[in-house]
C-alpha cells in the first residue's frame, strides 16, 4: 500500500465517521430545532382564519414565525437519513418539501419574504442548531 492509498483510506474513514456521527445527526437536529422554534413561538398576531375542521386559528403577522395552522408545514420538515459525499465535503440537509404558491420552496419563501412578507424561523433557530452540532462535533449527543 502506498502513502497515497493510505491517505485516501484514512480520509474515506474520517468522512464516513463524520457522516454517521455529525452530518446526518446535525441535519436531524436542524429539522427538530426549526420545528421547535415554530411551535414555541409566542401567539401569532395576524388575521384570524377558520381551519378545515372548523376551529379558528390566527395567522402570523410579518416578522413572526409562521403560524402552525393545520400543522402541515411543520410536519413537512424532514432531514436526510444518509449523507451525500461531494468529494471534499459530506453533506446532509433539513428542509420542507412544500412549495409556495409562487412555486418556490415554502421555507425559503417564508424566511426571506419572496412572495409574502418574511416569517423568519430558520435563521432564528440557528443558534440552537449550532449548539447541537457543536455538541456532536465535540463528541456529545444530539
Protein backbone atom coordinates (compact mmCIF):
# COMPACT_ATOMS: atom_id res chain seq x y z
CA UNK A 1 0.00 0.00 0.00
CA UNK A 2 1.43 3.37 -0.95
CA UNK A 3 1.30 6.53 1.10
CA UNK A 4 -1.39 7.95 -1.24
CA UNK A 5 -3.51 4.79 -0.89
CA UNK A 6 -3.24 5.00 2.89
CA UNK A 7 -4.18 8.70 2.89
CA UNK A 8 -7.27 8.04 0.75
CA UNK A 9 -8.31 5.17 3.02
CA UNK A 10 -7.95 7.34 6.14
CA UNK A 11 -9.82 10.25 4.57
CA UNK A 12 -12.59 7.89 3.48
CA UNK A 13 -12.89 6.50 7.01
CA UNK A 14 -12.95 10.02 8.53
CA UNK A 15 -15.67 11.14 6.09
CA UNK A 16 -17.76 8.06 6.88
CA UNK A 17 -17.32 8.63 10.60
CA UNK A 18 -18.24 12.32 10.33
CA UNK A 19 -21.29 11.50 8.21
CA UNK A 20 -22.57 8.99 10.76
CA UNK A 21 -21.66 10.91 13.92
CA UNK A 22 -22.12 14.56 12.93
CA UNK A 23 -23.54 15.33 9.49
CA UNK A 24 -26.71 13.22 9.46
CA UNK A 25 -27.49 13.82 13.17
CA UNK A 26 -26.77 17.53 12.58
CA UNK A 27 -29.36 17.65 9.79
CA UNK A 28 -31.87 15.92 12.09
CA UNK A 29 -31.07 18.48 14.80
CA UNK A 30 -31.70 21.30 12.31
CA UNK A 31 -35.09 19.81 11.40
CA UNK A 32 -36.03 19.46 15.07
CA UNK A 33 -34.91 22.96 16.03
CA UNK A 34 -36.76 24.70 13.18
CA UNK A 35 -39.97 22.86 14.10
CA UNK A 36 -39.38 23.58 17.81
CA UNK A 37 -38.91 27.29 17.04
CA UNK A 38 -42.20 27.44 15.12
CA UNK A 39 -44.10 25.53 17.80
CA UNK A 40 -42.64 27.51 20.71
CA UNK A 41 -43.10 30.96 19.17
CA UNK A 42 -45.43 33.35 21.01
CA UNK A 43 -49.06 33.52 19.90
CA UNK A 44 -49.36 35.00 16.42
CA UNK A 45 -50.97 38.38 15.89
CA UNK A 46 -52.13 38.09 12.26
CA UNK A 47 -55.67 37.67 10.97
CA UNK A 48 -58.00 35.01 12.38
CA UNK A 49 -58.70 32.17 9.95
CA UNK A 50 -61.03 29.19 10.01
CA UNK A 51 -59.39 25.77 9.64
CA UNK A 52 -60.90 22.89 7.66
CA UNK A 53 -62.05 21.28 10.92
CA UNK A 54 -63.99 24.42 11.87
CA UNK A 55 -61.58 25.69 14.52
CA UNK A 56 -60.28 29.22 14.32
CA UNK A 57 -56.58 29.98 14.46
CA UNK A 58 -54.60 33.15 13.95
CA UNK A 59 -52.18 33.61 11.06
CA UNK A 60 -48.72 35.03 11.59
CA UNK A 61 -48.00 38.69 11.00
CA UNK A 62 -44.91 39.75 9.06
CA UNK A 63 -41.81 39.28 11.20
CA UNK A 64 -43.37 36.47 13.27
CA UNK A 65 -42.62 32.77 12.88
CA UNK A 66 -45.09 31.03 10.58
CA UNK A 67 -48.36 30.13 12.27
CA UNK A 68 -48.92 26.45 12.87
CA UNK A 69 -52.43 26.44 11.43
CA UNK A 70 -53.14 22.87 10.34
CA UNK A 71 -49.59 21.84 11.19
CA UNK A 72 -48.89 20.70 7.61
CA UNK A 73 -45.83 22.93 7.26
CA UNK A 74 -44.16 21.78 10.48
CA UNK A 75 -44.98 18.15 9.65
CA UNK A 76 -43.44 18.61 6.20
CA UNK A 77 -39.97 19.23 7.65
CA UNK A 78 -37.61 16.30 7.20
CA UNK A 79 -33.89 15.63 7.06
CA UNK A 80 -31.65 13.39 5.01
CA UNK A 81 -31.02 9.98 6.53
CA UNK A 82 -27.83 9.49 4.54
CA UNK A 83 -25.03 11.91 3.88
CA UNK A 84 -24.04 12.84 0.35
CA UNK A 85 -20.35 12.51 -0.46
CA UNK A 86 -19.42 15.56 -2.53
CA UNK A 87 -15.72 14.83 -2.82
CA UNK A 88 -14.14 17.31 -0.41
CA UNK A 89 -17.22 17.52 1.77
CA UNK A 90 -20.02 15.41 3.17
CA UNK A 91 -23.49 16.96 3.35
CA UNK A 92 -27.00 16.27 4.63
CA UNK A 93 -29.94 18.66 4.64
CA UNK A 94 -33.01 19.56 6.64
CA UNK A 95 -35.88 21.01 4.64
CA UNK A 96 -39.59 21.24 3.93
CA UNK A 97 -40.63 19.81 0.58
CA UNK A 98 -43.70 22.10 0.47
CA UNK A 99 -43.85 24.69 -2.29
CA UNK A 100 -45.32 28.18 -2.04
CA UNK A 101 -47.99 29.42 -4.42
CA UNK A 102 -45.11 31.10 -6.27
CA UNK A 103 -43.62 27.64 -6.93
CA UNK A 104 -40.56 28.04 -4.72
CA UNK A 105 -39.67 26.12 -1.55
CA UNK A 106 -42.08 27.35 1.13
CA UNK A 107 -39.39 27.58 3.81
CA UNK A 108 -37.30 29.88 1.63
CA UNK A 109 -40.34 31.99 0.73
CA UNK A 110 -41.41 32.37 4.36
CA UNK A 111 -37.88 33.00 5.66
CA UNK A 112 -36.85 35.55 3.02
CA UNK A 113 -40.22 37.05 2.17
CA UNK A 114 -40.12 36.44 -1.56
CA UNK A 115 -43.86 36.29 -2.32
CA UNK A 116 -45.09 37.15 1.19
CA UNK A 117 -43.70 39.36 3.94
CA UNK A 118 -40.94 37.47 5.84
CA UNK A 119 -41.86 34.97 8.55
CA UNK A 120 -38.38 34.19 9.93
CA UNK A 121 -37.99 30.78 11.51
CA UNK A 122 -34.83 29.20 10.09
CA UNK A 123 -32.38 31.98 10.94
CA UNK A 124 -33.72 32.41 14.48
CA UNK A 125 -33.32 28.64 15.05
CA UNK A 126 -29.64 28.73 14.01
CA UNK A 127 -28.14 29.36 17.49
CA UNK A 128 -29.87 26.23 18.81
CA UNK A 129 -28.84 24.26 15.72
CA UNK A 130 -25.23 25.44 16.04
CA UNK A 131 -25.11 24.44 19.71
CA UNK A 132 -26.38 20.96 18.93
CA UNK A 133 -23.96 20.48 16.04
CA UNK A 134 -21.07 21.72 18.21
CA UNK A 135 -22.08 19.14 20.79
CA UNK A 136 -21.97 16.44 18.10
CA UNK A 137 -18.53 17.60 16.92
CA UNK A 138 -17.16 17.56 20.45
CA UNK A 139 -18.43 14.02 20.99
CA UNK A 140 -21.63 14.72 22.89
CA UNK A 141 -25.05 13.72 21.71
CA UNK A 142 -27.80 15.34 19.73
